[in-house]
Protein backbone atom coordinates (compact mmCIF):
# COMPACT_ATOMS: atom_id res chain seq x y z
CA MET A 1 -148.62 -60.45 -207.35
CA SER A 2 -147.69 -62.07 -204.03
CA LYS A 3 -149.99 -61.88 -201.04
CA SER A 4 -147.55 -59.64 -199.10
CA ALA A 5 -147.29 -57.24 -202.02
CA CYS A 6 -151.05 -57.21 -202.37
CA ARG A 7 -151.42 -56.35 -198.69
CA GLN A 8 -148.82 -53.59 -198.96
CA THR A 9 -150.65 -52.10 -201.96
CA LYS A 10 -153.95 -52.06 -200.06
CA ARG A 11 -152.31 -50.50 -197.01
CA THR A 12 -150.81 -47.61 -198.95
CA SER A 13 -153.82 -46.91 -201.12
CA ASN A 14 -155.72 -44.92 -198.49
CA PRO A 15 -157.30 -41.91 -200.28
CA HIS A 16 -156.87 -39.79 -197.12
CA SER A 17 -153.24 -40.71 -196.43
CA ASP A 18 -151.97 -37.37 -197.75
CA ARG A 19 -153.96 -35.60 -195.03
CA LEU A 20 -152.30 -37.53 -192.16
CA ALA A 21 -149.05 -36.76 -190.40
CA PRO A 22 -146.22 -39.26 -190.99
CA SER A 23 -146.69 -40.80 -187.52
CA GLN A 24 -150.41 -41.19 -188.16
CA GLN A 25 -149.73 -42.79 -191.54
CA HIS A 26 -147.48 -45.27 -189.74
CA HIS A 27 -150.27 -46.13 -187.28
CA ARG A 28 -152.75 -46.53 -190.11
CA GLN A 29 -150.43 -48.77 -192.12
CA PHE A 30 -149.38 -50.88 -189.17
CA CYS A 31 -152.87 -51.47 -187.83
CA GLN A 32 -154.85 -51.90 -191.04
CA PRO A 33 -156.60 -55.30 -190.85
CA ARG A 34 -155.54 -57.99 -193.26
CA THR A 35 -157.95 -58.95 -195.98
CA ALA A 36 -159.11 -62.51 -196.02
CA THR A 37 -159.99 -64.45 -199.14
CA THR A 38 -163.69 -65.13 -198.85
CA THR A 39 -166.46 -65.97 -201.22
CA ALA A 40 -169.82 -64.34 -200.89
CA THR A 41 -172.85 -66.56 -200.48
CA PRO A 42 -175.57 -65.71 -203.02
CA GLY A 43 -177.93 -63.18 -201.46
CA ARG A 44 -175.46 -62.47 -198.59
CA PRO A 45 -172.57 -59.94 -198.67
CA SER A 46 -169.02 -61.14 -198.06
CA VAL A 47 -167.24 -60.65 -194.72
CA ASN A 48 -164.97 -58.02 -196.27
CA LEU A 49 -167.95 -56.10 -197.64
CA LYS A 50 -169.65 -56.10 -194.24
CA TYR A 51 -166.45 -54.83 -192.61
CA GLN A 52 -166.01 -52.13 -195.25
CA GLN A 53 -169.58 -50.95 -194.69
CA ARG A 54 -169.06 -50.72 -190.93
CA ARG A 55 -165.74 -48.93 -191.42
CA GLU A 56 -167.26 -46.32 -193.71
CA MET A 57 -169.76 -45.42 -190.95
CA LEU A 58 -166.85 -44.18 -188.76
CA SER A 59 -165.26 -40.76 -189.08
CA ARG A 60 -161.57 -40.44 -189.88
CA SER A 61 -160.76 -39.50 -186.29
CA GLN A 62 -162.66 -42.53 -184.97
CA ARG A 63 -160.84 -44.84 -187.37
CA LEU A 64 -157.49 -43.36 -186.37
CA THR A 65 -158.24 -43.70 -182.65
CA ARG A 66 -159.19 -47.34 -183.03
CA ALA A 67 -156.15 -48.03 -185.18
CA ILE A 68 -153.78 -46.57 -182.59
CA ALA A 69 -155.48 -48.57 -179.83
CA ARG A 70 -155.10 -51.77 -181.83
CA GLN A 71 -151.44 -51.04 -182.41
CA GLN A 72 -150.88 -50.70 -178.66
CA ILE A 73 -152.66 -54.00 -178.08
CA CYS A 74 -150.41 -55.67 -180.62
CA ARG A 75 -147.28 -54.32 -179.00
CA ARG A 76 -148.44 -55.30 -175.51
CA LEU A 77 -149.49 -58.85 -176.38
CA GLY A 78 -146.61 -59.79 -178.68
CA ALA A 79 -146.11 -60.87 -182.28
CA ALA A 80 -148.29 -63.98 -182.21
CA ALA A 81 -151.24 -62.11 -180.78
CA ALA A 82 -150.51 -59.21 -183.14
CA ASN A 83 -151.03 -61.41 -186.19
CA THR A 84 -154.39 -62.53 -184.82
CA ALA A 85 -155.41 -58.97 -183.93
CA LEU A 86 -154.45 -57.64 -187.36
CA ALA A 87 -156.72 -60.15 -189.05
CA ARG A 88 -159.67 -59.29 -186.81
CA PRO A 89 -162.26 -56.64 -187.77
CA LEU A 90 -162.19 -53.51 -185.64
CA SER A 91 -165.62 -54.21 -184.16
CA THR A 92 -164.38 -57.47 -182.59
CA THR A 93 -160.92 -56.35 -181.43
CA ILE A 94 -160.31 -57.10 -177.75
CA PRO A 95 -160.31 -54.03 -175.44
CA LEU A 96 -157.08 -52.21 -174.70
CA LEU A 97 -155.53 -53.61 -171.51
CA THR A 98 -154.40 -50.71 -169.35
CA THR A 99 -154.05 -52.55 -166.03
CA THR A 100 -153.73 -56.11 -164.86
CA PRO A 101 -157.12 -57.37 -163.63
CA PRO A 102 -157.10 -57.62 -159.80
CA PRO A 103 -157.43 -61.04 -158.19
CA SER A 104 -160.87 -62.10 -156.95
CA THR A 105 -161.74 -60.44 -153.63
CA TRP A 106 -164.86 -62.44 -152.84
CA THR A 107 -162.99 -64.84 -150.55
CA SER A 108 -160.68 -64.51 -147.55
CA PRO A 109 -158.45 -62.61 -147.09
CA TYR A 110 -160.83 -59.80 -147.94
CA PRO A 111 -159.88 -56.21 -148.83
CA SER A 112 -161.23 -55.31 -145.38
CA SER A 113 -158.93 -57.73 -143.52
CA THR A 114 -156.46 -54.98 -142.55
CA ASP A 115 -158.93 -52.10 -142.16
CA PHE A 116 -159.79 -50.87 -138.65
CA ARG A 117 -161.41 -47.58 -139.67
CA SER A 118 -165.00 -48.86 -139.53
CA ASP A 119 -167.09 -51.99 -139.91
CA VAL A 120 -168.72 -50.45 -142.99
CA VAL A 121 -165.65 -51.67 -144.91
CA THR A 122 -166.59 -55.34 -144.52
CA SER A 123 -166.44 -57.06 -147.89
CA PRO A 124 -169.20 -59.05 -149.62
CA THR A 125 -168.57 -62.79 -149.54
CA ALA A 126 -168.63 -65.56 -152.11
CA SER A 127 -172.00 -66.74 -150.79
CA MET A 128 -173.36 -63.24 -151.33
CA LEU A 129 -172.09 -63.32 -154.90
CA HIS A 130 -173.88 -66.63 -155.42
CA ALA A 131 -177.08 -65.21 -153.91
CA ILE A 132 -176.85 -62.14 -156.14
CA SER A 133 -176.42 -64.30 -159.23
CA SER A 134 -179.62 -66.21 -158.42
CA ALA A 135 -181.70 -63.24 -157.21
CA THR A 136 -184.98 -62.26 -158.81
CA LEU A 137 -184.90 -59.15 -160.99
CA LEU A 138 -188.36 -57.59 -160.74
CA ASP A 139 -189.36 -54.05 -159.83
CA ASP A 140 -189.52 -52.99 -156.17
CA VAL A 141 -191.24 -49.66 -156.88
CA PHE A 142 -194.14 -51.81 -158.09
CA CYS A 143 -193.65 -54.08 -155.02
CA GLU A 144 -193.14 -57.09 -157.31
CA ASP A 145 -189.66 -58.45 -156.53
CA PRO A 146 -189.76 -61.80 -154.66
CA SER A 147 -186.20 -61.56 -153.27
CA THR A 148 -186.94 -58.15 -151.78
CA ILE A 149 -190.35 -59.12 -150.42
CA SER A 150 -188.83 -62.24 -148.87
CA LEU A 151 -186.14 -60.19 -147.09
CA GLU A 152 -188.66 -57.64 -145.81
CA THR A 153 -190.99 -60.37 -144.58
CA ARG A 154 -188.12 -62.18 -142.85
CA LEU A 155 -186.94 -59.06 -141.02
CA ALA A 156 -190.46 -58.07 -139.99
CA SER A 157 -190.88 -61.55 -138.50
CA LEU A 158 -187.53 -61.47 -136.68
CA THR A 159 -188.28 -58.09 -135.11
CA GLY A 160 -191.99 -58.42 -134.33
CA HIS A 161 -193.10 -55.60 -136.63
CA GLU A 162 -195.92 -55.50 -139.15
CA SER A 163 -194.01 -54.34 -142.18
CA ALA A 164 -190.55 -53.56 -143.55
CA LEU A 165 -188.97 -51.49 -146.31
CA LEU A 166 -185.58 -52.04 -147.97
CA VAL A 167 -183.62 -48.79 -148.22
CA LEU A 168 -180.20 -47.85 -149.52
CA SER A 169 -178.47 -46.82 -146.28
CA GLY A 170 -178.82 -46.41 -142.54
CA THR A 171 -179.07 -42.65 -143.00
CA MET A 172 -181.97 -43.12 -145.41
CA GLY A 173 -183.67 -45.51 -143.00
CA ASN A 174 -183.43 -43.02 -140.13
CA GLN A 175 -184.57 -40.07 -142.20
CA LEU A 176 -187.52 -41.90 -143.75
CA ALA A 177 -188.62 -43.13 -140.32
CA LEU A 178 -188.55 -39.65 -138.77
CA ARG A 179 -190.24 -38.08 -141.80
CA ALA A 180 -193.00 -40.69 -141.61
CA LEU A 181 -193.52 -40.20 -137.86
CA LEU A 182 -193.44 -36.41 -137.89
CA THR A 183 -196.45 -34.79 -139.46
CA GLN A 184 -196.74 -31.06 -138.80
CA PRO A 185 -194.26 -28.54 -137.36
CA PRO A 186 -193.48 -27.35 -134.80
CA HIS A 187 -191.98 -30.63 -133.72
CA ALA A 188 -188.72 -31.87 -132.22
CA VAL A 189 -186.71 -35.09 -132.03
CA LEU A 190 -184.90 -35.82 -128.77
CA CYS A 191 -181.70 -37.89 -128.94
CA ASP A 192 -178.26 -38.36 -127.45
CA GLU A 193 -175.98 -35.44 -128.29
CA ARG A 194 -173.59 -37.91 -129.99
CA ALA A 195 -176.33 -39.56 -132.08
CA HIS A 196 -175.79 -40.30 -135.75
CA ILE A 197 -178.98 -38.45 -136.74
CA LEU A 198 -177.61 -35.30 -135.11
CA GLU A 199 -173.90 -35.48 -135.90
CA TRP A 200 -173.45 -37.49 -139.09
CA GLU A 201 -176.49 -37.20 -141.37
CA ALA A 202 -175.85 -33.78 -142.94
CA GLY A 203 -178.64 -32.06 -141.04
CA GLY A 204 -181.25 -34.28 -142.65
CA VAL A 205 -183.73 -34.05 -139.77
CA ALA A 206 -183.90 -30.29 -140.27
CA SER A 207 -183.91 -30.24 -144.06
CA LEU A 208 -186.22 -33.21 -144.69
CA SER A 209 -188.55 -33.08 -141.69
CA GLY A 210 -188.31 -29.45 -140.63
CA ALA A 211 -187.68 -30.61 -137.08
CA LEU A 212 -185.60 -29.33 -134.20
CA VAL A 213 -183.15 -31.86 -132.77
CA GLN A 214 -182.82 -31.75 -128.99
CA GLY A 215 -179.43 -33.23 -128.09
CA VAL A 216 -179.13 -34.64 -124.58
CA VAL A 217 -175.94 -35.32 -122.62
CA ALA A 218 -175.86 -38.82 -121.12
CA GLY A 219 -175.24 -38.34 -117.42
CA ASN A 220 -173.33 -41.61 -117.14
CA GLY A 221 -171.26 -40.90 -120.25
CA ARG A 222 -172.42 -44.12 -121.94
CA PHE A 223 -176.17 -44.17 -122.65
CA LEU A 224 -179.29 -42.09 -122.06
CA THR A 225 -181.47 -42.80 -119.04
CA LEU A 226 -185.07 -41.81 -118.42
CA GLU A 227 -183.80 -39.13 -116.05
CA ASP A 228 -181.68 -37.64 -118.88
CA VAL A 229 -184.72 -37.61 -121.15
CA LYS A 230 -186.95 -35.92 -118.58
CA ARG A 231 -184.42 -33.10 -118.15
CA LYS A 232 -184.66 -32.11 -121.81
CA VAL A 233 -188.05 -33.24 -123.13
CA VAL A 234 -190.66 -30.60 -124.04
CA LEU A 235 -194.27 -31.52 -123.34
CA SER A 236 -195.66 -27.99 -123.11
CA ASP A 237 -198.08 -26.53 -125.65
CA ASP A 238 -196.78 -23.04 -124.94
CA VAL A 239 -196.43 -21.15 -128.21
CA HIS A 240 -192.77 -20.40 -127.43
CA ALA A 241 -191.89 -24.10 -127.18
CA CYS A 242 -191.09 -26.78 -129.74
CA PRO A 243 -192.73 -29.97 -128.42
CA THR A 244 -190.90 -33.29 -128.47
CA ARG A 245 -192.76 -35.66 -130.79
CA VAL A 246 -190.16 -38.41 -131.21
CA ILE A 247 -187.44 -39.86 -128.98
CA SER A 248 -184.68 -41.47 -131.04
CA LEU A 249 -182.28 -43.87 -129.33
CA GLU A 250 -179.18 -45.45 -130.85
CA ASN A 251 -177.92 -48.94 -130.03
CA THR A 252 -175.03 -49.43 -130.03
CA LEU A 253 -173.72 -45.86 -129.78
CA GLY A 254 -169.97 -45.61 -130.14
CA GLY A 255 -169.79 -49.29 -129.31
CA SER A 256 -171.63 -48.81 -126.00
CA ILE A 257 -174.76 -50.86 -125.35
CA MET A 258 -178.10 -49.33 -124.46
CA PRO A 259 -179.38 -51.69 -121.75
CA LEU A 260 -182.72 -53.36 -122.43
CA ASP A 261 -184.21 -52.40 -119.06
CA GLU A 262 -183.46 -48.71 -119.58
CA THR A 263 -184.81 -48.89 -123.12
CA ARG A 264 -188.07 -50.26 -121.77
CA ARG A 265 -188.27 -47.54 -119.10
CA ILE A 266 -187.92 -44.77 -121.67
CA ALA A 267 -190.33 -46.41 -124.14
CA GLY A 268 -193.00 -46.94 -121.46
CA TRP A 269 -192.80 -43.33 -120.28
CA ALA A 270 -192.85 -42.02 -123.86
CA ARG A 271 -196.04 -43.90 -124.70
CA GLU A 272 -197.72 -42.56 -121.59
CA ASN A 273 -196.97 -39.06 -122.83
CA GLY A 274 -197.89 -39.53 -126.49
CA ILE A 275 -194.30 -39.50 -127.77
CA LEU A 276 -193.24 -41.85 -130.57
CA MET A 277 -190.05 -43.93 -130.43
CA HIS A 278 -187.43 -44.54 -133.14
CA LEU A 279 -184.37 -46.78 -132.91
CA ASP A 280 -181.24 -46.22 -134.94
CA GLY A 281 -180.22 -49.86 -134.73
CA ALA A 282 -177.44 -49.78 -137.32
CA ARG A 283 -175.32 -51.86 -134.92
CA LEU A 284 -178.09 -53.42 -132.85
CA TRP A 285 -176.72 -56.77 -134.10
CA GLU A 286 -173.62 -56.16 -131.94
CA ALA A 287 -175.64 -55.52 -128.77
CA VAL A 288 -177.62 -58.73 -129.31
CA ILE A 289 -174.48 -60.81 -129.97
CA ALA A 290 -172.94 -59.36 -126.78
CA GLY A 291 -175.88 -60.81 -124.81
CA ALA A 292 -177.61 -57.53 -123.93
CA GLY A 293 -181.02 -58.82 -125.05
CA GLY A 294 -182.90 -60.45 -127.90
CA LEU A 295 -183.43 -58.72 -131.23
CA GLU A 296 -187.21 -58.71 -130.90
CA GLU A 297 -187.04 -57.69 -127.24
CA TYR A 298 -185.33 -54.49 -128.28
CA THR A 299 -187.25 -53.73 -131.46
CA ARG A 300 -190.69 -54.11 -129.88
CA CYS A 301 -189.94 -51.05 -127.76
CA PHE A 302 -190.03 -48.80 -130.82
CA ASP A 303 -192.51 -47.55 -133.41
CA THR A 304 -189.82 -47.57 -136.10
CA VAL A 305 -186.44 -49.30 -136.33
CA SER A 306 -183.58 -48.95 -138.81
CA LEU A 307 -181.14 -51.87 -139.12
CA CYS A 308 -178.04 -51.76 -141.33
CA PHE A 309 -176.77 -54.64 -143.52
CA SER A 310 -173.43 -53.09 -144.48
CA LYS A 311 -172.05 -52.40 -140.98
CA GLY A 312 -170.35 -55.60 -139.91
CA LEU A 313 -172.63 -57.97 -141.81
CA GLY A 314 -170.65 -57.56 -145.04
CA ALA A 315 -173.44 -56.69 -147.46
CA PRO A 316 -172.33 -54.10 -150.04
CA ILE A 317 -175.34 -51.85 -149.55
CA GLY A 318 -178.65 -51.53 -147.78
CA SER A 319 -180.64 -51.13 -144.58
CA ILE A 320 -184.14 -52.08 -143.53
CA LEU A 321 -186.84 -49.85 -142.02
CA LEU A 322 -189.36 -51.57 -139.76
CA GLY A 323 -192.70 -50.34 -138.47
CA SER A 324 -196.45 -50.54 -138.87
CA LYS A 325 -198.01 -50.95 -142.31
CA GLU A 326 -199.23 -47.37 -142.24
CA VAL A 327 -195.82 -45.93 -141.33
CA VAL A 328 -193.98 -48.08 -143.88
CA LYS A 329 -196.46 -47.08 -146.58
CA ARG A 330 -195.76 -43.42 -145.89
CA ALA A 331 -192.00 -44.07 -145.74
CA ARG A 332 -192.15 -45.77 -149.14
CA TRP A 333 -193.77 -42.64 -150.53
CA VAL A 334 -191.08 -40.41 -149.02
CA ARG A 335 -188.37 -42.78 -150.27
CA LYS A 336 -189.65 -42.32 -153.81
CA SER A 337 -189.76 -38.54 -153.43
CA ILE A 338 -186.05 -38.32 -152.59
CA GLY A 339 -184.95 -40.67 -155.38
CA GLY A 340 -184.62 -43.82 -153.29
CA GLY A 341 -187.00 -46.02 -155.26
CA LEU A 342 -185.34 -49.28 -156.27
CA ARG A 343 -186.03 -51.09 -159.51
CA GLN A 344 -184.29 -54.49 -159.76
CA SER A 345 -183.65 -54.52 -156.01
CA GLY A 346 -183.24 -58.29 -155.74
CA VAL A 347 -179.45 -58.03 -156.13
CA VAL A 348 -179.33 -55.76 -153.06
CA ALA A 349 -181.79 -57.84 -151.04
CA ALA A 350 -180.02 -61.13 -151.81
CA ALA A 351 -176.68 -60.03 -150.35
CA ALA A 352 -178.41 -58.48 -147.33
CA ARG A 353 -180.26 -61.72 -146.64
CA VAL A 354 -176.98 -63.66 -146.57
CA GLY A 355 -175.54 -61.10 -144.16
CA VAL A 356 -178.42 -61.61 -141.76
CA GLU A 357 -178.51 -65.40 -141.98
CA GLU A 358 -174.78 -66.18 -142.08
CA THR A 359 -173.06 -63.30 -140.30
CA PHE A 360 -175.61 -62.32 -137.64
CA LEU A 361 -177.62 -65.48 -136.99
CA GLY A 362 -174.55 -67.58 -137.84
CA GLY A 363 -172.63 -65.96 -134.97
CA LYS A 364 -169.70 -64.52 -136.93
CA LEU A 365 -169.90 -61.15 -135.19
CA LYS A 366 -168.68 -62.70 -131.96
CA ARG A 367 -165.18 -63.07 -133.40
CA GLY A 368 -164.92 -59.31 -133.99
CA GLN A 369 -165.93 -58.56 -130.41
CA GLU A 370 -163.38 -61.01 -129.01
CA MET A 371 -160.61 -59.45 -131.09
CA ALA A 372 -161.72 -55.96 -129.99
CA LYS A 373 -161.16 -56.90 -126.35
CA ARG A 374 -157.69 -58.16 -127.23
CA VAL A 375 -156.88 -54.92 -129.06
CA GLY A 376 -157.93 -52.93 -125.99
CA GLU A 377 -155.79 -55.13 -123.75
CA MET A 378 -152.80 -54.68 -126.09
CA TRP A 379 -153.08 -50.91 -125.88
CA GLU A 380 -153.30 -50.98 -122.08
CA SER A 381 -150.46 -53.49 -121.75
CA LYS A 382 -148.17 -51.07 -123.61
CA GLY A 383 -149.03 -48.20 -121.26
CA GLY A 384 -152.00 -46.64 -123.05
CA ARG A 385 -155.40 -45.74 -121.63
CA LEU A 386 -158.86 -46.37 -123.04
CA GLU A 387 -161.50 -43.67 -123.20
CA ARG A 388 -164.24 -46.18 -122.39
CA GLU A 389 -164.79 -49.85 -121.73
CA VAL A 390 -164.79 -52.22 -124.70
CA GLU A 391 -168.35 -53.59 -124.83
CA THR A 392 -168.73 -54.72 -128.42
CA ASN A 393 -166.50 -54.22 -131.48
CA MET A 394 -165.16 -50.70 -130.87
CA VAL A 395 -161.98 -49.74 -129.02
CA TRP A 396 -161.48 -46.11 -128.06
CA LEU A 397 -157.79 -45.31 -127.62
CA ASP A 398 -157.02 -42.22 -125.54
CA LEU A 399 -154.42 -40.74 -127.89
CA GLU A 400 -154.43 -37.38 -126.16
CA ALA A 401 -153.54 -38.87 -122.78
CA ALA A 402 -150.69 -40.77 -124.44
CA GLY A 403 -149.43 -37.62 -126.17
CA VAL A 404 -149.93 -39.25 -129.57
CA GLY A 405 -151.21 -37.21 -132.51
CA GLU A 406 -153.84 -38.73 -134.79
CA GLU A 407 -151.66 -38.22 -137.84
CA GLU A 408 -148.73 -39.95 -136.13
CA TRP A 409 -150.91 -42.91 -135.18
CA VAL A 410 -152.40 -43.25 -138.66
CA LYS A 411 -148.96 -43.17 -140.29
CA ALA A 412 -147.47 -45.69 -137.84
CA ALA A 413 -150.27 -48.13 -138.63
CA GLY A 414 -149.99 -47.45 -142.35
CA ARG A 415 -146.31 -48.34 -142.37
CA ARG A 416 -147.34 -51.79 -141.17
CA GLY A 417 -150.03 -52.22 -143.78
CA VAL A 418 -153.11 -51.57 -141.64
CA LYS A 419 -155.59 -48.70 -141.77
CA VAL A 420 -156.89 -46.73 -138.79
CA GLY A 421 -158.92 -43.55 -138.71
CA GLY A 422 -157.96 -42.07 -135.34
CA GLY A 423 -158.56 -43.08 -131.75
CA ARG A 424 -161.61 -45.15 -132.62
CA VAL A 425 -160.54 -48.64 -133.68
CA VAL A 426 -163.35 -50.75 -135.12
CA VAL A 427 -162.87 -54.51 -135.34
CA HIS A 428 -164.97 -56.79 -137.53
CA TYR A 429 -165.02 -60.50 -138.19
CA GLN A 430 -163.00 -60.26 -141.42
CA VAL A 431 -159.93 -58.77 -139.71
CA THR A 432 -157.01 -61.23 -139.71
CA GLU A 433 -154.71 -62.21 -136.84
CA GLU A 434 -151.80 -60.79 -138.81
CA ALA A 435 -153.54 -57.41 -138.96
CA VAL A 436 -154.09 -57.43 -135.19
CA GLY A 437 -150.40 -58.21 -134.72
CA ALA A 438 -149.39 -55.35 -137.01
CA LEU A 439 -151.70 -53.02 -135.09
CA GLY A 440 -149.93 -54.06 -131.87
CA GLU A 441 -146.57 -53.20 -133.42
CA ALA A 442 -147.85 -49.75 -134.34
CA MET A 443 -149.06 -49.28 -130.77
CA GLY A 444 -145.61 -50.20 -129.51
CA GLU A 445 -144.02 -47.62 -131.78
CA VAL A 446 -146.18 -44.65 -130.81
CA LEU A 447 -146.35 -45.47 -127.10
CA GLY A 448 -142.66 -46.31 -126.86
CA ARG A 449 -141.49 -43.05 -128.37
CA GLU A 450 -140.30 -40.29 -126.08
CA ARG A 451 -142.70 -37.38 -126.26
CA GLY A 452 -141.19 -34.52 -128.19
CA GLU A 453 -139.84 -36.87 -130.87
CA GLY A 454 -142.37 -35.69 -133.40
CA GLY A 455 -145.69 -36.77 -131.97
CA GLY A 456 -147.54 -34.78 -134.60
CA GLU A 457 -150.59 -32.57 -134.31
CA GLY A 458 -153.65 -33.42 -132.28
CA LYS A 459 -157.22 -32.83 -133.40
CA LYS A 460 -157.90 -29.83 -135.60
CA VAL A 461 -160.43 -27.31 -134.37
CA GLY A 462 -163.68 -27.69 -136.29
CA PHE A 463 -162.82 -31.15 -137.62
CA LYS A 464 -163.50 -34.61 -136.24
CA SER A 465 -163.05 -38.21 -137.23
CA TYR A 466 -166.18 -39.95 -138.45
CA GLY A 467 -167.70 -42.04 -135.68
């Protein structure tokens, strides 16, 4: 009997073939692996016997599913590859290709190069990938990972604090800090009415710390002053009052810088009155790069500080919480209680370390701030108005004054291949010149259109763009 006839006999001798539909029989016959002529080594089963044993461990439906998948692979890859696939045991068949693998995005241009929605979209870099591949892989819950300990020690040194704790996000850093500082209700946290801890952290201060948040309106429209704080702070021990135990400042806030002198005024007064200080410094890097003050000059004003590695610095994840050893110890405990304990945290710490050393200390953030000023000038040169001065990497376009709806603006930018999220345009160092040019074209379209030509809806009541 010829080899082809032998193969055909084996293919059609399936004892369960009468139970399959005709199409299923076709799949089974087409995808049945070829048998190879092998000789068994004494004391060791042949390759075919091993394959048969593995095959018998699968149910009929599993065998059919794998057979159909292999048939699709054969059809996709062509006849030559089909012959190879048919001779290969099921357990070693290459996976079904459903999409073409995307090109590497670890180098410029990055996926974030056309994205103006936020600086959280910054992409990890090739040097971060290299650092991740060489990171240590020990357990951070046991405080044993060298890469993580090195990052925490480095940040504590840069900021003049005793201790540091790697956390998963800026929100987690803020919430752990406040939970560690606040001990027993009734207690309140005073902050700017626009602050992230009040507006964008899902009510975490209330749910995790049981604290009242006292939002304060900045009299100058940009940053809180000591006079603003004094108008709202509660120092009374009257039983009807909720005393202020923590003042939380944010720098930068909406791209606006909190001046160092005013920060020192508030911190000095707070200490005189037994009030603790927390800094949401997610974008403090931007204030420092803009020349507002040194990193340590700012951070020494506070009992706790949260700094973010994924906003602008390009790390894929992570923030750092800074404070005294006692506060950080308590924060570590709280972190564990809410599921934030990290095991092999070195891969997170390694990328964060590169972000600090190369993007912040390496001066890359300056490019984003320079481009932000140009974006603001483009808007104004085309007849638009800005809601506030461009101080760092954020540009606030006054869409309402221009009669431009948010939806219209987003679509105009999208048609040119760039992403915006509303009137707040955030520029980061990975944005390309081509993207800035496309953004300018979108500005020209929406500002050059006669009003009444379909400007779209403005802001919806009860909804707001993340900022």
